[in-house]
Amino acid sequence: MKIKTLVKSLGLGAIAAAALLTAGCNKECDTAGAQQAAAQEQQSFKWKLVTSWPKNFPGLGTAPERFADMVNEMSAGRLTVKVYGAGELVPALQVFDAVSQGTAEMGHSGAYYWKGKTPASQFFTSVPFGLTAQEMHGWIQYGGGQQLWEEVYAPFNILPMPGGNTGVQMGGWFNKEINSVDDLKGLKMRIPGLGGEVLKRAGGTPVTLPGGEIFTSLQTGAIDATEWVGPYNDLAFGLYKVAKHYYYPGWHEPGSMMEFTINKPAFERLPKDLQAIVRVAAQAINQDMLNEYTTRNHAALVELKEKHGVDVRAFPQDVLNKLKVLSDEVVTEVSASDELTKKVYESFKNYREQVKAYHEVSEQAYINARD
């Protein structure tokens, strides 16, 4: 018998009726909730993940593949993720829009590509003379960076998560020697993000290109120089075939963090356990990529030098000093573009000062002692 009919037929008082109704509702609601939860646990989800990298490209391209495998295994097939390389479903530099619009549930790319959407995004990949990989991870996870990142992406229906780190990159490939700051003037260089703005301030011309177009652009003279990642990836692209000089350090990207972007409505449709699986898998891949680059870069650099005769050289100190001055100017100006970017910059800057002070007596002191 229905609860309401039972109450009426028994002629119960208002208080007793309310109690009986509540008890019945609780029982029915609990049952319905349990049934809904059970149904959700049985439901399967199929996601598309678009990337800015060539399919299965070492490090950058294999990371999302590993993520997909991990999620599939941990969810026992309830959430399957299909990875699309750059250009397979959407162009390399349209990953953000695809995820925002729900064309794909996930993306894997670098946040600095979206500076046209919001200037603050650039702080979540790398800042010239900024944080190393270890420091970047600390800021994101324990220094308030993740909360700010989510605030920056909220208007776009995107939930961001760290998706790997390449560590300190190389300074890039050049077809002429860089002996002074004047050698940067008129230089056409593939360099995105804040580093590109610094080059522009030094008199060069920054160009944004997806990785798949770098080799041909250098070969044809469309650009004079390029930064990409480091020895591991640069060897895979064969950049030593089209440029003479390989400079270090990567002042422009001292700890470049990649990102997983997730369509927020799609994420919220997942049951809680699958949401947890996505978060844990992303965190695992974030560390896994750094471990891989730390290991592979050394062997690749040896091969570039010994097998291919690459000219590896440091930037002159006066060039680095000038780039540091220009970097501070650019970052300060960008941070003043809007209140949210200023808020992100203040958090980033304060964390950098704190961790720098500690690392002077820990990481840096130890490296100096070891060497």
Protein backbone atom coordinates (compact mmCIF):
# COMPACT_ATOMS: atom_id res chain seq x y z
CA MET A 1 0.00 0.00 0.00
CA LYS A 2 1.29 3.54 -0.81
CA ILE A 3 2.46 5.54 2.21
CA LYS A 4 -0.06 8.38 1.68
CA THR A 5 -2.97 5.94 1.36
CA LEU A 6 -1.82 4.14 4.50
CA VAL A 7 -1.72 7.37 6.47
CA LYS A 8 -5.20 8.38 5.36
CA SER A 9 -6.74 5.00 6.04
CA LEU A 10 -5.29 4.84 9.53
CA GLY A 11 -6.45 8.35 10.36
CA LEU A 12 -3.16 9.24 11.90
CA GLY A 13 -2.44 12.63 13.41
CA ALA A 14 -0.31 15.19 11.62
CA ILE A 15 2.88 14.48 13.57
CA ALA A 16 2.55 10.72 13.36
CA ALA A 17 1.65 10.99 9.69
CA ALA A 18 4.70 13.12 8.99
CA ALA A 19 6.92 10.64 10.81
CA LEU A 20 5.51 7.74 8.86
CA LEU A 21 5.80 9.62 5.59
CA THR A 22 9.39 10.53 6.36
CA ALA A 23 10.30 6.99 7.30
CA GLY A 24 8.69 5.67 4.16
CA CYS A 25 10.33 8.32 1.99
CA ASN A 26 13.72 7.65 3.53
CA LYS A 27 13.36 3.97 2.84
CA GLU A 28 12.18 4.53 -0.71
CA CYS A 29 14.79 7.24 -1.33
CA ASP A 30 17.59 5.12 0.05
CA THR A 31 16.52 2.26 -2.18
CA ALA A 32 16.27 4.53 -5.21
CA GLY A 33 19.65 6.07 -4.44
CA ALA A 34 21.27 2.67 -4.09
CA GLN A 35 19.69 1.54 -7.35
CA GLN A 36 20.89 4.69 -9.11
CA ALA A 37 24.40 4.26 -7.74
CA ALA A 38 24.45 0.61 -8.79
CA ALA A 39 23.24 1.51 -12.27
CA GLN A 40 25.89 4.19 -12.55
CA GLU A 41 28.58 1.72 -11.51
CA GLN A 42 27.50 -0.56 -14.33
CA GLN A 43 27.46 2.26 -16.88
CA SER A 44 30.39 2.53 -19.25
CA PHE A 45 31.85 5.70 -20.75
CA LYS A 46 33.83 6.23 -23.94
CA TRP A 47 35.99 9.34 -24.13
CA LYS A 48 38.03 10.96 -26.87
CA LEU A 49 41.38 12.54 -25.97
CA VAL A 50 42.91 14.95 -28.51
CA THR A 51 46.53 16.07 -28.34
CA SER A 52 48.88 18.69 -29.75
CA TRP A 53 51.53 16.07 -30.52
CA PRO A 54 52.12 13.63 -33.35
CA LYS A 55 50.63 10.21 -32.60
CA ASN A 56 52.88 8.24 -30.22
CA PHE A 57 55.61 10.89 -30.35
CA PRO A 58 58.22 9.98 -27.68
CA GLY A 59 57.37 11.38 -24.27
CA LEU A 60 54.76 13.96 -25.18
CA GLY A 61 52.71 11.66 -27.39
CA THR A 62 53.16 8.43 -25.46
CA ALA A 63 52.10 10.01 -22.14
CA PRO A 64 48.40 10.30 -23.08
CA GLU A 65 48.53 6.74 -24.44
CA ARG A 66 49.83 5.52 -21.10
CA PHE A 67 47.13 7.52 -19.36
CA ALA A 68 44.44 5.87 -21.49
CA ASP A 69 45.81 2.39 -20.79
CA MET A 70 45.97 3.10 -17.07
CA VAL A 71 42.40 4.41 -16.89
CA ASN A 72 41.06 1.46 -18.88
CA GLU A 73 42.81 -1.03 -16.59
CA MET A 74 41.91 0.65 -13.30
CA SER A 75 38.26 1.07 -14.31
CA ALA A 76 38.00 -2.51 -15.64
CA GLY A 77 36.88 -1.09 -18.95
CA ARG A 78 34.11 1.12 -17.56
CA LEU A 79 35.94 4.21 -18.85
CA THR A 80 37.81 3.81 -22.12
CA VAL A 81 39.83 6.65 -23.60
CA LYS A 82 40.79 6.81 -27.28
CA VAL A 83 43.76 9.04 -28.04
CA TYR A 84 43.96 11.13 -31.23
CA GLY A 85 47.24 12.66 -32.35
CA ALA A 86 47.52 16.20 -33.71
CA GLY A 87 45.43 16.59 -36.85
CA GLU A 88 43.62 13.26 -36.55
CA LEU A 89 40.46 14.75 -35.08
CA VAL A 90 41.35 18.42 -34.56
CA PRO A 91 44.43 20.52 -35.43
CA ALA A 92 47.26 20.62 -32.89
CA LEU A 93 46.49 24.12 -31.66
CA GLN A 94 42.71 23.66 -31.39
CA VAL A 95 42.79 21.18 -28.52
CA PHE A 96 41.52 23.75 -26.01
CA ASP A 97 38.49 24.67 -28.12
CA ALA A 98 37.66 21.02 -28.81
CA VAL A 99 37.57 20.22 -25.09
CA SER A 100 35.75 23.42 -24.18
CA GLN A 101 33.02 22.73 -26.73
CA GLY A 102 32.74 19.04 -25.88
CA THR A 103 33.96 17.81 -29.26
CA ALA A 104 36.39 15.74 -27.18
CA GLU A 105 36.12 14.96 -23.49
CA MET A 106 39.86 15.42 -22.90
CA GLY A 107 42.95 17.07 -24.31
CA HIS A 108 46.70 16.93 -23.75
CA SER A 109 48.77 19.98 -24.60
CA GLY A 110 50.61 22.97 -23.12
CA ALA A 111 48.74 25.79 -21.41
CA TYR A 112 50.86 28.55 -22.93
CA TYR A 113 49.31 27.87 -26.34
CA TRP A 114 46.08 29.45 -25.05
CA LYS A 115 47.42 32.90 -24.19
CA GLY A 116 44.95 34.33 -26.72
CA LYS A 117 42.12 32.90 -24.60
CA THR A 118 43.48 34.11 -21.28
CA PRO A 119 46.96 35.56 -20.55
CA ALA A 120 47.05 33.77 -17.19
CA SER A 121 47.23 30.38 -18.90
CA GLN A 122 50.92 30.89 -19.68
CA PHE A 123 51.90 30.60 -16.03
CA PHE A 124 50.72 26.98 -16.01
CA THR A 125 53.26 25.72 -18.53
CA SER A 126 56.46 27.62 -17.87
CA VAL A 127 57.74 31.11 -17.15
CA PRO A 128 61.17 32.32 -18.31
CA PHE A 129 63.61 32.05 -15.42
CA GLY A 130 60.70 30.66 -13.39
CA LEU A 131 60.09 27.38 -11.59
CA THR A 132 61.84 24.08 -12.22
CA ALA A 133 59.76 20.93 -12.64
CA GLN A 134 60.05 20.02 -8.97
CA GLU A 135 59.09 23.54 -7.93
CA MET A 136 56.24 23.72 -10.45
CA HIS A 137 54.72 20.52 -9.09
CA GLY A 138 54.98 21.91 -5.58
CA TRP A 139 53.24 25.17 -6.50
CA ILE A 140 50.42 23.39 -8.30
CA GLN A 141 49.74 20.75 -5.67
CA TYR A 142 50.53 22.52 -2.40
CA GLY A 143 51.06 26.19 -3.18
CA GLY A 144 47.59 27.15 -4.43
CA GLY A 145 48.37 26.80 -8.14
CA GLN A 146 45.72 24.17 -8.87
CA GLN A 147 42.91 26.27 -7.43
CA LEU A 148 44.00 29.28 -9.48
CA TRP A 149 44.31 27.16 -12.61
CA GLU A 150 40.77 25.90 -12.19
CA GLU A 151 39.57 29.48 -11.69
CA VAL A 152 41.29 30.57 -14.92
CA TYR A 153 39.72 27.74 -16.96
CA ALA A 154 36.25 27.82 -15.32
CA PRO A 155 34.70 30.19 -17.93
CA PHE A 156 35.62 27.66 -20.62
CA ASN A 157 33.97 24.63 -18.96
CA ILE A 158 37.40 23.03 -18.57
CA LEU A 159 38.96 21.27 -15.61
CA PRO A 160 42.80 21.27 -15.85
CA MET A 161 45.20 18.74 -14.38
CA PRO A 162 49.00 18.41 -14.61
CA GLY A 163 49.91 16.07 -17.45
CA GLY A 164 53.69 15.67 -17.37
CA ASN A 165 56.83 17.75 -17.21
CA THR A 166 59.84 17.83 -19.51
CA GLY A 167 62.19 19.35 -16.93
CA VAL A 168 64.64 22.08 -17.95
CA GLN A 169 64.61 22.29 -21.73
CA MET A 170 67.41 23.16 -24.15
CA GLY A 171 67.81 26.70 -25.43
CA GLY A 172 67.17 25.67 -29.02
CA TRP A 173 68.62 25.10 -32.48
CA PHE A 174 70.16 27.99 -34.40
CA ASN A 175 71.54 28.34 -37.89
CA LYS A 176 73.93 31.05 -36.75
CA GLU A 177 76.03 31.61 -33.67
CA ILE A 178 74.65 33.69 -30.83
CA ASN A 179 77.60 35.66 -29.49
CA SER A 180 75.75 38.74 -28.29
CA VAL A 181 72.26 40.10 -27.79
CA ASP A 182 72.53 41.79 -31.18
CA ASP A 183 72.52 38.36 -32.82
CA LEU A 184 68.92 37.92 -31.68
CA LYS A 185 67.76 40.94 -33.68
CA GLY A 186 65.81 39.97 -36.77
CA LEU A 187 65.90 36.28 -35.79
CA LYS A 188 62.78 34.33 -36.78
CA MET A 189 62.40 31.68 -34.12
CA ARG A 190 59.74 29.15 -33.26
CA ILE A 191 59.20 29.92 -29.57
CA PRO A 192 55.72 30.11 -27.93
CA GLY A 193 54.43 31.65 -24.73
CA LEU A 194 56.19 34.23 -22.64
CA GLY A 195 59.57 33.23 -24.07
CA GLY A 196 58.35 34.40 -27.46
CA GLU A 197 57.44 37.78 -26.04
CA VAL A 198 60.92 38.08 -24.55
CA LEU A 199 62.52 37.30 -27.91
CA LYS A 200 60.33 39.94 -29.51
CA ARG A 201 61.50 42.46 -26.91
CA ALA A 202 65.09 41.53 -27.85
CA GLY A 203 64.40 42.34 -31.50
CA GLY A 204 63.54 38.90 -32.80
CA THR A 205 60.36 37.54 -34.37
CA PRO A 206 58.61 34.78 -32.42
CA VAL A 207 56.66 32.19 -34.41
CA THR A 208 54.19 29.68 -32.99
CA LEU A 209 54.20 26.34 -34.79
CA PRO A 210 53.04 22.85 -33.82
CA GLY A 211 55.85 20.34 -33.47
CA GLY A 212 55.05 18.56 -36.71
CA GLU A 213 55.87 21.68 -38.76
CA ILE A 214 59.22 22.57 -37.20
CA PHE A 215 61.57 20.47 -39.35
CA THR A 216 60.19 21.69 -42.68
CA SER A 217 60.11 25.30 -41.50
CA LEU A 218 63.79 25.16 -40.54
CA GLN A 219 64.69 23.31 -43.72
CA THR A 220 63.00 25.86 -45.99
CA GLY A 221 64.27 28.89 -44.09
CA ALA A 222 60.81 29.95 -42.95
CA ILE A 223 62.41 30.20 -39.50
CA ASP A 224 66.05 30.70 -38.50
CA ALA A 225 65.90 28.91 -35.17
CA THR A 226 63.63 26.85 -32.99
CA GLU A 227 63.23 25.61 -29.49
CA TRP A 228 61.35 22.36 -29.10
CA VAL A 229 61.96 20.34 -25.96
CA GLY A 230 65.31 18.69 -25.36
CA PRO A 231 67.66 16.01 -26.73
CA TYR A 232 65.16 13.14 -26.45
CA ASN A 233 62.51 14.82 -28.60
CA ASP A 234 64.86 16.88 -30.75
CA LEU A 235 66.69 13.73 -31.83
CA ALA A 236 63.37 12.09 -32.72
CA PHE A 237 62.52 15.03 -35.00
CA GLY A 238 65.98 14.98 -36.61
CA LEU A 239 66.52 18.68 -35.99
CA TYR A 240 70.28 18.18 -36.13
CA LYS A 241 69.88 17.72 -39.89
CA VAL A 242 68.59 21.25 -40.43
CA ALA A 243 70.37 23.39 -37.79
CA LYS A 244 74.02 23.75 -36.85
CA HIS A 245 74.17 24.99 -33.27
CA TYR A 246 72.43 23.58 -30.17
CA TYR A 247 72.31 26.02 -27.27
CA TYR A 248 71.61 25.66 -23.55
CA PRO A 249 70.14 26.31 -21.03
CA GLY A 250 66.43 26.61 -21.74
CA TRP A 251 66.00 29.96 -19.98
CA HIS A 252 62.53 30.25 -21.48
CA GLU A 253 61.23 26.88 -20.18
CA PRO A 254 62.95 25.75 -16.99
CA GLY A 255 60.24 23.26 -16.01
CA SER A 256 57.58 22.94 -18.67
CA MET A 257 54.42 21.32 -17.38
CA MET A 258 52.01 19.74 -19.84
CA GLU A 259 48.31 19.64 -19.10
CA PHE A 260 45.33 17.35 -19.28
CA THR A 261 42.22 19.38 -20.01
CA ILE A 262 38.84 17.80 -19.25
CA ASN A 263 35.41 18.93 -20.34
CA LYS A 264 33.85 19.74 -16.98
CA PRO A 265 30.29 18.54 -17.71
CA ALA A 266 31.71 15.24 -19.00
CA PHE A 267 33.80 14.83 -15.85
CA GLU A 268 30.83 15.57 -13.61
CA ARG A 269 28.81 12.85 -15.34
CA LEU A 270 31.30 10.24 -14.17
CA PRO A 271 30.64 8.39 -10.91
CA LYS A 272 32.95 9.33 -8.06
CA ASP A 273 35.19 6.30 -8.38
CA LEU A 274 35.87 6.99 -12.07
CA GLN A 275 36.58 10.63 -11.29
CA ALA A 276 39.14 9.45 -8.75
CA ILE A 277 40.70 7.11 -11.30
CA VAL A 278 41.11 9.96 -13.79
CA ARG A 279 42.76 12.16 -11.16
CA VAL A 280 45.13 9.44 -9.93
CA ALA A 281 46.09 8.39 -13.47
CA ALA A 282 46.85 12.01 -14.42
CA GLN A 283 49.01 12.44 -11.34
CA ALA A 284 50.91 9.25 -12.13
CA ILE A 285 51.55 10.33 -15.73
CA ASN A 286 52.67 13.76 -14.55
CA GLN A 287 55.54 12.19 -12.60
CA ASP A 288 56.17 9.44 -15.13
CA MET A 289 56.92 11.90 -17.91
CA LEU A 290 59.51 13.76 -15.84
CA ASN A 291 61.17 10.46 -14.92
CA GLU A 292 61.32 9.47 -18.59
CA TYR A 293 62.82 12.77 -19.78
CA THR A 294 65.37 12.76 -16.96
CA THR A 295 66.54 9.36 -18.15
CA ARG A 296 66.26 9.66 -21.94
CA ASN A 297 67.70 13.14 -22.42
CA HIS A 298 71.21 12.16 -21.38
CA ALA A 299 71.49 9.24 -23.82
CA ALA A 300 70.03 11.36 -26.62
CA LEU A 301 72.49 14.21 -25.99
CA VAL A 302 75.41 11.78 -26.14
CA GLU A 303 74.13 10.48 -29.48
CA LEU A 304 73.67 13.98 -30.89
CA LYS A 305 77.22 14.94 -29.96
CA GLU A 306 79.12 11.73 -30.67
CA LYS A 307 77.20 10.25 -33.58
CA HIS A 308 75.92 13.36 -35.34
CA GLY A 309 78.63 15.84 -34.40
CA VAL A 310 76.23 18.46 -33.08
CA ASP A 311 77.78 21.71 -31.83
CA VAL A 312 76.47 22.00 -28.27
CA ARG A 313 77.28 25.29 -26.58
CA ALA A 314 76.12 27.55 -23.77
CA PHE A 315 74.54 30.95 -24.33
CA PRO A 316 77.02 33.72 -23.43
CA GLN A 317 76.41 34.98 -19.92
CA ASP A 318 75.73 38.55 -21.07
CA VAL A 319 72.99 37.22 -23.37
CA LEU A 320 71.37 35.34 -20.49
CA ASN A 321 71.64 38.42 -18.27
CA LYS A 322 69.87 40.58 -20.84
CA LEU A 323 67.18 37.94 -21.42
CA LYS A 324 66.57 37.83 -17.66
CA VAL A 325 66.05 41.61 -17.56
CA LEU A 326 63.68 41.47 -20.52
CA SER A 327 61.85 38.49 -19.04
CA ASP A 328 61.13 40.36 -15.83
CA GLU A 329 59.75 43.27 -17.85
CA VAL A 330 57.52 41.05 -20.00
CA VAL A 331 56.14 38.97 -17.12
CA THR A 332 55.39 42.08 -15.06
CA GLU A 333 53.53 43.68 -17.97
CA VAL A 334 51.55 40.54 -18.77
CA SER A 335 50.57 40.17 -15.12
CA ALA A 336 49.02 43.63 -15.22
CA SER A 337 46.71 42.76 -18.13
CA ASP A 338 43.80 41.76 -15.87
CA GLU A 339 43.04 41.06 -12.22
CA LEU A 340 43.02 37.26 -12.54
CA THR A 341 46.40 37.18 -14.28
CA LYS A 342 47.78 39.48 -11.60
CA LYS A 343 46.43 37.14 -8.93
CA VAL A 344 48.10 34.13 -10.58
CA TYR A 345 51.39 35.99 -11.01
CA GLU A 346 51.49 37.09 -7.37
CA SER A 347 51.01 33.51 -6.22
CA PHE A 348 53.63 32.24 -8.68
CA LYS A 349 56.15 34.94 -7.75
CA ASN A 350 55.73 34.49 -4.00
CA TYR A 351 56.13 30.74 -4.27
CA ARG A 352 59.24 31.13 -6.43
CA GLU A 353 60.89 33.40 -3.87
CA GLN A 354 60.11 31.03 -1.01
CA VAL A 355 61.27 27.86 -2.75
CA LYS A 356 64.33 29.60 -4.18
CA ALA A 357 65.44 30.60 -0.68
CA TYR A 358 65.12 27.02 0.52
CA HIS A 359 66.77 25.47 -2.53
CA GLU A 360 69.80 27.70 -2.05
CA VAL A 361 70.58 25.67 1.06
CA SER A 362 69.26 22.35 -0.25
CA GLU A 363 69.11 21.42 -3.95
CA GLN A 364 71.44 24.13 -5.26
CA ALA A 365 73.87 23.81 -2.37
CA TYR A 366 74.08 20.07 -2.87
CA ILE A 367 74.58 20.32 -6.66
CA ASN A 368 77.35 22.86 -6.12
CA ALA A 369 78.99 20.58 -3.56
CA ARG A 370 78.67 17.54 -5.79
CA ASP A 371 80.27 19.33 -8.73
